[in-house]
Full PDB file with SEQRES, HELIX, SHEET, SSBOND, CRYST1, ORIGX, SCALE, CONECT and MASTER records, all heavy atoms in Angstrom:
SEQRES   1 A   35  VAL GLU SER GLY GLY GLY LEU VAL GLN PRO GLY GLY SER          
SEQRES   2 A   35  LEU ARG LEU SER CYS ALA GLY SER GLY ARG SER PHE ASN          
SEQRES   3 A   35  GLY TYR VAL MET GLY TRP TYR ARG GLN                          
SHEET    1 AA1 2 GLU A   2  SER A   3  0                                        
SHEET    2 AA1 2 SER A  17  CYS A  18 -1                                        
CRYST1    1.000    1.000    1.000  90.00  90.00  90.00 P 1           1          
ORIGX1      1.000000  0.000000  0.000000        0.00000                         
ORIGX2      0.000000  1.000000  0.000000        0.00000                         
ORIGX3      0.000000  0.000000  1.000000        0.00000                         
SCALE1      1.000000  0.000000  0.000000        0.00000                         
SCALE2      0.000000  1.000000  0.000000        0.00000                         
SCALE3      0.000000  0.000000  1.000000        0.00000                         
ATOM      1  N   VAL A   1     175.707  87.296 111.549  1.00  0.00           N  
ATOM      2  CA  VAL A   1     177.144  87.214 111.800  1.00  0.00           C  
ATOM      3  C   VAL A   1     177.891  87.807 110.621  1.00  0.00           C  
ATOM      4  O   VAL A   1     177.780  87.320 109.491  1.00  0.00           O  
ATOM      5  CB  VAL A   1     177.587  85.761 112.029  1.00  0.00           C  
ATOM      6  CG1 VAL A   1     179.098  85.705 112.269  1.00  0.00           C  
ATOM      7  CG2 VAL A   1     176.838  85.158 113.223  1.00  0.00           C  
ATOM      8  N   GLU A   2     178.645  88.882 110.895  1.00  0.00           N  
ATOM      9  CA  GLU A   2     179.423  89.550 109.857  1.00  0.00           C  
ATOM     10  C   GLU A   2     180.820  88.956 109.760  1.00  0.00           C  
ATOM     11  O   GLU A   2     181.361  88.432 110.734  1.00  0.00           O  
ATOM     12  CB  GLU A   2     179.551  91.052 110.148  1.00  0.00           C  
ATOM     13  CG  GLU A   2     178.250  91.808 110.297  1.00  0.00           C  
ATOM     14  CD  GLU A   2     177.893  92.057 111.735  1.00  0.00           C  
ATOM     15  OE1 GLU A   2     178.321  91.266 112.592  1.00  0.00           O  
ATOM     16  OE2 GLU A   2     177.179  93.050 112.008  1.00  0.00           O  
ATOM     17  N   SER A   3     181.396  89.104 108.588  1.00  0.00           N  
ATOM     18  CA  SER A   3     182.792  88.734 108.363  1.00  0.00           C  
ATOM     19  C   SER A   3     183.348  89.587 107.243  1.00  0.00           C  
ATOM     20  O   SER A   3     182.585  90.205 106.480  1.00  0.00           O  
ATOM     21  CB  SER A   3     182.904  87.246 108.016  1.00  0.00           C  
ATOM     22  OG  SER A   3     182.194  86.950 106.835  1.00  0.00           O  
ATOM     23  N   GLY A   4     184.675  89.636 107.155  1.00  0.00           N  
ATOM     24  CA  GLY A   4     185.310  90.292 106.030  1.00  0.00           C  
ATOM     25  C   GLY A   4     185.946  91.637 106.313  1.00  0.00           C  
ATOM     26  O   GLY A   4     186.525  92.244 105.418  1.00  0.00           O  
ATOM     27  N   GLY A   5     185.859  92.115 107.529  1.00  0.00           N  
ATOM     28  CA  GLY A   5     186.495  93.383 107.838  1.00  0.00           C  
ATOM     29  C   GLY A   5     188.008  93.250 107.901  1.00  0.00           C  
ATOM     30  O   GLY A   5     188.554  92.159 107.783  1.00  0.00           O  
ATOM     31  N   GLY A   6     188.680  94.389 108.074  1.00  0.00           N  
ATOM     32  CA  GLY A   6     190.125  94.354 108.172  1.00  0.00           C  
ATOM     33  C   GLY A   6     190.742  95.697 107.878  1.00  0.00           C  
ATOM     34  O   GLY A   6     190.049  96.725 107.843  1.00  0.00           O  
ATOM     35  N   LEU A   7     192.036  95.677 107.658  1.00  0.00           N  
ATOM     36  CA  LEU A   7     192.808  96.875 107.354  1.00  0.00           C  
ATOM     37  C   LEU A   7     193.109  96.917 105.864  1.00  0.00           C  
ATOM     38  O   LEU A   7     193.570  95.917 105.291  1.00  0.00           O  
ATOM     39  CB  LEU A   7     194.115  96.865 108.151  1.00  0.00           C  
ATOM     40  CG  LEU A   7     195.139  97.948 107.834  1.00  0.00           C  
ATOM     41  CD1 LEU A   7     194.598  99.329 108.193  1.00  0.00           C  
ATOM     42  CD2 LEU A   7     196.439  97.668 108.563  1.00  0.00           C  
ATOM     43  N   VAL A   8     192.854  98.056 105.255  1.00  0.00           N  
ATOM     44  CA  VAL A   8     193.095  98.204 103.823  1.00  0.00           C  
ATOM     45  C   VAL A   8     193.631  99.614 103.573  1.00  0.00           C  
ATOM     46  O   VAL A   8     193.309 100.559 104.312  1.00  0.00           O  
ATOM     47  CB  VAL A   8     191.804  97.936 103.022  1.00  0.00           C  
ATOM     48  CG1 VAL A   8     190.731  98.961 103.348  1.00  0.00           C  
ATOM     49  CG2 VAL A   8     192.061  97.892 101.534  1.00  0.00           C  
ATOM     50  N   GLN A   9     194.435  99.757 102.540  1.00  0.00           N  
ATOM     51  CA  GLN A   9     194.973 101.073 102.176  1.00  0.00           C  
ATOM     52  C   GLN A   9     193.927 101.894 101.430  1.00  0.00           C  
ATOM     53  O   GLN A   9     193.016 101.333 100.794  1.00  0.00           O  
ATOM     54  CB  GLN A   9     196.205 100.904 101.302  1.00  0.00           C  
ATOM     55  CG  GLN A   9     197.394 100.294 102.024  1.00  0.00           C  
ATOM     56  CD  GLN A   9     198.652 100.308 101.174  1.00  0.00           C  
ATOM     57  OE1 GLN A   9     198.589 100.474  99.964  1.00  0.00           O  
ATOM     58  NE2 GLN A   9     199.797 100.163 101.816  1.00  0.00           N  
ATOM     59  N   PRO A  10     194.038 103.206 101.492  1.00  0.00           N  
ATOM     60  CA  PRO A  10     193.123 104.051 100.712  1.00  0.00           C  
ATOM     61  C   PRO A  10     193.143 103.643  99.243  1.00  0.00           C  
ATOM     62  O   PRO A  10     194.213 103.360  98.680  1.00  0.00           O  
ATOM     63  CB  PRO A  10     193.691 105.451 100.915  1.00  0.00           C  
ATOM     64  CG  PRO A  10     194.345 105.386 102.254  1.00  0.00           C  
ATOM     65  CD  PRO A  10     194.948 104.010 102.325  1.00  0.00           C  
ATOM     66  N   GLY A  11     191.952 103.601  98.661  1.00  0.00           N  
ATOM     67  CA  GLY A  11     191.817 103.167  97.283  1.00  0.00           C  
ATOM     68  C   GLY A  11     191.599 101.673  97.128  1.00  0.00           C  
ATOM     69  O   GLY A  11     191.275 101.215  96.020  1.00  0.00           O  
ATOM     70  N   GLY A  12     191.755 100.932  98.197  1.00  0.00           N  
ATOM     71  CA  GLY A  12     191.583  99.491  98.139  1.00  0.00           C  
ATOM     72  C   GLY A  12     190.140  99.053  98.254  1.00  0.00           C  
ATOM     73  O   GLY A  12     189.216  99.884  98.302  1.00  0.00           O  
ATOM     74  N   SER A  13     189.960  97.730  98.316  1.00  0.00           N  
ATOM     75  CA  SER A  13     188.617  97.146  98.361  1.00  0.00           C  
ATOM     76  C   SER A  13     188.523  96.119  99.484  1.00  0.00           C  
ATOM     77  O   SER A  13     189.512  95.490  99.856  1.00  0.00           O  
ATOM     78  CB  SER A  13     188.295  96.451  97.033  1.00  0.00           C  
ATOM     79  OG  SER A  13     188.287  97.369  95.963  1.00  0.00           O  
ATOM     80  N   LEU A  14     187.311  95.976  99.987  1.00  0.00           N  
ATOM     81  CA  LEU A  14     186.972  94.931 100.938  1.00  0.00           C  
ATOM     82  C   LEU A  14     185.568  94.453 100.647  1.00  0.00           C  
ATOM     83  O   LEU A  14     184.737  95.237 100.144  1.00  0.00           O  
ATOM     84  CB  LEU A  14     187.020  95.445 102.388  1.00  0.00           C  
ATOM     85  CG  LEU A  14     188.345  95.531 103.124  1.00  0.00           C  
ATOM     86  CD1 LEU A  14     188.130  96.145 104.506  1.00  0.00           C  
ATOM     87  CD2 LEU A  14     189.021  94.179 103.237  1.00  0.00           C  
ATOM     88  N   ARG A  15     185.312  93.219 100.995  1.00  0.00           N  
ATOM     89  CA  ARG A  15     183.965  92.665 100.853  1.00  0.00           C  
ATOM     90  C   ARG A  15     183.495  92.166 102.200  1.00  0.00           C  
ATOM     91  O   ARG A  15     184.140  91.293 102.809  1.00  0.00           O  
ATOM     92  CB  ARG A  15     183.940  91.536  99.822  1.00  0.00           C  
ATOM     93  CG  ARG A  15     182.545  90.938  99.596  1.00  0.00           C  
ATOM     94  CD  ARG A  15     182.593  89.873  98.515  1.00  0.00           C  
ATOM     95  NE  ARG A  15     181.307  89.228  98.314  1.00  0.00           N  
ATOM     96  CZ  ARG A  15     180.348  89.688  97.518  1.00  0.00           C  
ATOM     97  NH1 ARG A  15     180.541  90.816  96.857  1.00  0.00           N  
ATOM     98  NH2 ARG A  15     179.199  89.032  97.391  1.00  0.00           N  
ATOM     99  N   LEU A  16     182.402  92.714 102.668  1.00  0.00           N  
ATOM    100  CA  LEU A  16     181.789  92.267 103.915  1.00  0.00           C  
ATOM    101  C   LEU A  16     180.658  91.300 103.609  1.00  0.00           C  
ATOM    102  O   LEU A  16     179.926  91.486 102.631  1.00  0.00           O  
ATOM    103  CB  LEU A  16     181.233  93.451 104.710  1.00  0.00           C  
ATOM    104  CG  LEU A  16     182.206  94.577 105.039  1.00  0.00           C  
ATOM    105  CD1 LEU A  16     181.489  95.643 105.876  1.00  0.00           C  
ATOM    106  CD2 LEU A  16     183.426  94.067 105.758  1.00  0.00           C  
ATOM    107  N   SER A  17     180.527  90.293 104.451  1.00  0.00           N  
ATOM    108  CA  SER A  17     179.436  89.337 104.316  1.00  0.00           C  
ATOM    109  C   SER A  17     178.695  89.228 105.643  1.00  0.00           C  
ATOM    110  O   SER A  17     179.269  89.406 106.711  1.00  0.00           O  
ATOM    111  CB  SER A  17     179.972  87.968 103.920  1.00  0.00           C  
ATOM    112  OG  SER A  17     180.579  87.997 102.656  1.00  0.00           O  
ATOM    113  N   CYS A  18     177.408  88.926 105.534  1.00  0.00           N  
ATOM    114  CA  CYS A  18     176.578  88.749 106.722  1.00  0.00           C  
ATOM    115  C   CYS A  18     175.698  87.522 106.506  1.00  0.00           C  
ATOM    116  O   CYS A  18     174.971  87.458 105.508  1.00  0.00           O  
ATOM    117  CB  CYS A  18     175.723  89.982 106.952  1.00  0.00           C  
ATOM    118  SG  CYS A  18     174.504  89.818 108.276  1.00  0.00           S  
ATOM    119  N   ALA A  19     175.785  86.594 107.429  1.00  0.00           N  
ATOM    120  CA  ALA A  19     174.985  85.375 107.348  1.00  0.00           C  
ATOM    121  C   ALA A  19     173.920  85.379 108.439  1.00  0.00           C  
ATOM    122  O   ALA A  19     174.239  85.511 109.621  1.00  0.00           O  
ATOM    123  CB  ALA A  19     175.871  84.151 107.499  1.00  0.00           C  
ATOM    124  N   GLY A  20     172.687  85.235 108.029  1.00  0.00           N  
ATOM    125  CA  GLY A  20     171.585  85.176 108.981  1.00  0.00           C  
ATOM    126  C   GLY A  20     171.188  83.739 109.271  1.00  0.00           C  
ATOM    127  O   GLY A  20     171.258  82.880 108.390  1.00  0.00           O  
ATOM    128  N   SER A  21     170.782  83.491 110.503  1.00  0.00           N  
ATOM    129  CA  SER A  21     170.349  82.147 110.882  1.00  0.00           C  
ATOM    130  C   SER A  21     169.250  82.252 111.929  1.00  0.00           C  
ATOM    131  O   SER A  21     169.054  83.286 112.552  1.00  0.00           O  
ATOM    132  CB  SER A  21     171.522  81.342 111.442  1.00  0.00           C  
ATOM    133  OG  SER A  21     172.042  81.945 112.607  1.00  0.00           O  
ATOM    134  N   GLY A  22     168.519  81.175 112.107  1.00  0.00           N  
ATOM    135  CA  GLY A  22     167.479  81.128 113.123  1.00  0.00           C  
ATOM    136  C   GLY A  22     166.088  81.458 112.634  1.00  0.00           C  
ATOM    137  O   GLY A  22     165.109  81.239 113.339  1.00  0.00           O  
ATOM    138  N   ARG A  23     166.012  82.026 111.425  1.00  0.00           N  
ATOM    139  CA  ARG A  23     164.700  82.322 110.825  1.00  0.00           C  
ATOM    140  C   ARG A  23     164.921  82.703 109.370  1.00  0.00           C  
ATOM    141  O   ARG A  23     166.038  82.960 108.940  1.00  0.00           O  
ATOM    142  CB  ARG A  23     164.017  83.477 111.565  1.00  0.00           C  
ATOM    143  CG  ARG A  23     164.701  84.829 111.398  1.00  0.00           C  
ATOM    144  CD  ARG A  23     163.750  85.980 111.730  1.00  0.00           C  
ATOM    145  NE  ARG A  23     162.573  85.916 110.894  1.00  0.00           N  
ATOM    146  CZ  ARG A  23     161.347  86.174 111.345  1.00  0.00           C  
ATOM    147  NH1 ARG A  23     161.164  86.499 112.612  1.00  0.00           N  
ATOM    148  NH2 ARG A  23     160.324  86.109 110.532  1.00  0.00           N  
ATOM    149  N   SER A  24     163.838  82.765 108.623  1.00  0.00           N  
ATOM    150  CA  SER A  24     163.913  83.280 107.265  1.00  0.00           C  
ATOM    151  C   SER A  24     163.822  84.803 107.319  1.00  0.00           C  
ATOM    152  O   SER A  24     163.056  85.361 108.107  1.00  0.00           O  
ATOM    153  CB  SER A  24     162.745  82.749 106.429  1.00  0.00           C  
ATOM    154  OG  SER A  24     162.658  83.458 105.203  1.00  0.00           O  
ATOM    155  N   PHE A  25     164.601  85.459 106.493  1.00  0.00           N  
ATOM    156  CA  PHE A  25     164.553  86.911 106.420  1.00  0.00           C  
ATOM    157  C   PHE A  25     163.779  87.402 105.196  1.00  0.00           C  
ATOM    158  O   PHE A  25     163.906  88.553 104.775  1.00  0.00           O  
ATOM    159  CB  PHE A  25     165.970  87.485 106.443  1.00  0.00           C  
ATOM    160  CG  PHE A  25     166.641  87.302 107.774  1.00  0.00           C  
ATOM    161  CD1 PHE A  25     167.438  86.215 108.036  1.00  0.00           C  
ATOM    162  CD2 PHE A  25     166.428  88.221 108.785  1.00  0.00           C  
ATOM    163  CE1 PHE A  25     168.039  86.038 109.273  1.00  0.00           C  
ATOM    164  CE2 PHE A  25     167.023  88.054 110.035  1.00  0.00           C  
ATOM    165  CZ  PHE A  25     167.825  86.962 110.269  1.00  0.00           C  
ATOM    166  N   ASN A  26     162.993  86.516 104.633  1.00  0.00           N  
ATOM    167  CA  ASN A  26     162.113  86.910 103.529  1.00  0.00           C  
ATOM    168  C   ASN A  26     161.164  87.996 104.018  1.00  0.00           C  
ATOM    169  O   ASN A  26     160.521  87.861 105.050  1.00  0.00           O  
ATOM    170  CB  ASN A  26     161.324  85.701 103.044  1.00  0.00           C  
ATOM    171  CG  ASN A  26     160.555  86.015 101.788  1.00  0.00           C  
ATOM    172  OD1 ASN A  26     161.008  86.774 100.948  1.00  0.00           O  
ATOM    173  ND2 ASN A  26     159.374  85.431 101.660  1.00  0.00           N  
ATOM    174  N   GLY A  27     161.101  89.084 103.269  1.00  0.00           N  
ATOM    175  CA  GLY A  27     160.260  90.203 103.674  1.00  0.00           C  
ATOM    176  C   GLY A  27     160.999  91.251 104.493  1.00  0.00           C  
ATOM    177  O   GLY A  27     160.519  92.367 104.664  1.00  0.00           O  
ATOM    178  N   TYR A  28     162.151  90.902 104.992  1.00  0.00           N  
ATOM    179  CA  TYR A  28     162.951  91.831 105.774  1.00  0.00           C  
ATOM    180  C   TYR A  28     163.793  92.713 104.852  1.00  0.00           C  
ATOM    181  O   TYR A  28     164.324  92.241 103.842  1.00  0.00           O  
ATOM    182  CB  TYR A  28     163.880  91.082 106.729  1.00  0.00           C  
ATOM    183  CG  TYR A  28     163.222  90.672 108.019  1.00  0.00           C  
ATOM    184  CD1 TYR A  28     162.247  89.674 108.024  1.00  0.00           C  
ATOM    185  CD2 TYR A  28     163.556  91.273 109.222  1.00  0.00           C  
ATOM    186  CE1 TYR A  28     161.628  89.303 109.201  1.00  0.00           C  
ATOM    187  CE2 TYR A  28     162.948  90.907 110.406  1.00  0.00           C  
ATOM    188  CZ  TYR A  28     161.988  89.912 110.392  1.00  0.00           C  
ATOM    189  OH  TYR A  28     161.384  89.546 111.561  1.00  0.00           O  
ATOM    190  N   VAL A  29     163.937  93.957 105.230  1.00  0.00           N  
ATOM    191  CA  VAL A  29     164.926  94.819 104.619  1.00  0.00           C  
ATOM    192  C   VAL A  29     166.254  94.515 105.309  1.00  0.00           C  
ATOM    193  O   VAL A  29     166.341  94.562 106.546  1.00  0.00           O  
ATOM    194  CB  VAL A  29     164.580  96.305 104.791  1.00  0.00           C  
ATOM    195  CG1 VAL A  29     165.668  97.185 104.176  1.00  0.00           C  
ATOM    196  CG2 VAL A  29     163.226  96.610 104.172  1.00  0.00           C  
ATOM    197  N   MET A  30     167.271  94.194 104.544  1.00  0.00           N  
ATOM    198  CA  MET A  30     168.588  93.927 105.117  1.00  0.00           C  
ATOM    199  C   MET A  30     169.531  95.033 104.691  1.00  0.00           C  
ATOM    200  O   MET A  30     169.372  95.633 103.615  1.00  0.00           O  
ATOM    201  CB  MET A  30     169.096  92.562 104.687  1.00  0.00           C  
ATOM    202  CG  MET A  30     168.198  91.418 105.132  1.00  0.00           C  
ATOM    203  SD  MET A  30     168.917  89.789 104.925  1.00  0.00           S  
ATOM    204  CE  MET A  30     170.086  89.764 106.303  1.00  0.00           C  
ATOM    205  N   GLY A  31     170.498  95.306 105.539  1.00  0.00           N  
ATOM    206  CA  GLY A  31     171.381  96.392 105.199  1.00  0.00           C  
ATOM    207  C   GLY A  31     172.622  96.445 106.059  1.00  0.00           C  
ATOM    208  O   GLY A  31     172.862  95.573 106.904  1.00  0.00           O  
ATOM    209  N   TRP A  32     173.381  97.491 105.816  1.00  0.00           N  
ATOM    210  CA  TRP A  32     174.626  97.734 106.528  1.00  0.00           C  
ATOM    211  C   TRP A  32     174.594  99.147 107.104  1.00  0.00           C  
ATOM    212  O   TRP A  32     174.190 100.102 106.432  1.00  0.00           O  
ATOM    213  CB  TRP A  32     175.819  97.599 105.578  1.00  0.00           C  
ATOM    214  CG  TRP A  32     176.031  96.196 105.118  1.00  0.00           C  
ATOM    215  CD1 TRP A  32     175.515  95.611 104.001  1.00  0.00           C  
ATOM    216  CD2 TRP A  32     176.808  95.190 105.767  1.00  0.00           C  
ATOM    217  NE1 TRP A  32     175.911  94.308 103.915  1.00  0.00           N  
ATOM    218  CE2 TRP A  32     176.715  94.022 104.989  1.00  0.00           C  
ATOM    219  CE3 TRP A  32     177.576  95.164 106.921  1.00  0.00           C  
ATOM    220  CZ2 TRP A  32     177.364  92.832 105.321  1.00  0.00           C  
ATOM    221  CZ3 TRP A  32     178.226  93.987 107.270  1.00  0.00           C  
ATOM    222  CH2 TRP A  32     178.117  92.843 106.480  1.00  0.00           C  
ATOM    223  N   TYR A  33     175.027  99.224 108.339  1.00  0.00           N  
ATOM    224  CA  TYR A  33     175.213 100.489 109.026  1.00  0.00           C  
ATOM    225  C   TYR A  33     176.670 100.550 109.467  1.00  0.00           C  
ATOM    226  O   TYR A  33     177.370  99.537 109.498  1.00  0.00           O  
ATOM    227  CB  TYR A  33     174.298 100.582 110.247  1.00  0.00           C  
ATOM    228  CG  TYR A  33     172.843 100.765 109.925  1.00  0.00           C  
ATOM    229  CD1 TYR A  33     172.097  99.740 109.347  1.00  0.00           C  
ATOM    230  CD2 TYR A  33     172.189 101.970 110.203  1.00  0.00           C  
ATOM    231  CE1 TYR A  33     170.747  99.910 109.045  1.00  0.00           C  
ATOM    232  CE2 TYR A  33     170.843 102.149 109.917  1.00  0.00           C  
ATOM    233  CZ  TYR A  33     170.137 101.119 109.345  1.00  0.00           C  
ATOM    234  OH  TYR A  33     168.798 101.293 109.052  1.00  0.00           O  
ATOM    235  N   ARG A  34     177.118 101.736 109.825  1.00  0.00           N  
ATOM    236  CA  ARG A  34     178.481 101.865 110.344  1.00  0.00           C  
ATOM    237  C   ARG A  34     178.523 102.915 111.440  1.00  0.00           C  
ATOM    238  O   ARG A  34     177.702 103.836 111.473  1.00  0.00           O  
ATOM    239  CB  ARG A  34     179.467 102.211 109.232  1.00  0.00           C  
ATOM    240  CG  ARG A  34     179.274 103.575 108.612  1.00  0.00           C  
ATOM    241  CD  ARG A  34     180.210 103.741 107.415  1.00  0.00           C  
ATOM    242  NE  ARG A  34     180.067 105.055 106.789  1.00  0.00           N  
ATOM    243  CZ  ARG A  34     180.672 105.410 105.660  1.00  0.00           C  
ATOM    244  NH1 ARG A  34     181.467 104.541 105.024  1.00  0.00           N  
ATOM    245  NH2 ARG A  34     180.508 106.624 105.170  1.00  0.00           N  
ATOM    246  N   GLN A  35     179.503 102.744 112.318  1.00  0.00           N  
ATOM    247  CA  GLN A  35     179.700 103.704 113.401  1.00  0.00           C  
ATOM    248  C   GLN A  35     181.181 103.972 113.576  1.00  0.00           C  
ATOM    249  O   GLN A  35     181.949 103.069 113.891  1.00  0.00           O  
ATOM    250  CB  GLN A  35     179.100 103.176 114.703  1.00  0.00           C  
ATOM    251  CG  GLN A  35     179.093 104.204 115.818  1.00  0.00           C  
ATOM    252  CD  GLN A  35     178.216 103.791 116.988  1.00  0.00           C  
ATOM    253  OE1 GLN A  35     177.856 102.627 117.140  1.00  0.00           O  
ATOM    254  NE2 GLN A  35     177.865 104.763 117.831  1.00  0.00           N  
TER     255      GLN A  35                                                      
MASTER        0    0    0    0    2    0    0    6  254    1    0    3          
END                                                                             
């Protein structure tokens, strides 16, 4: 589950977070993609 998106002006900052549940992600490669 992602959170933290929104509207920001050029030059600004945002922080996205992703919380995993239902299993351990130890050993998994985690990352961010965009479209």
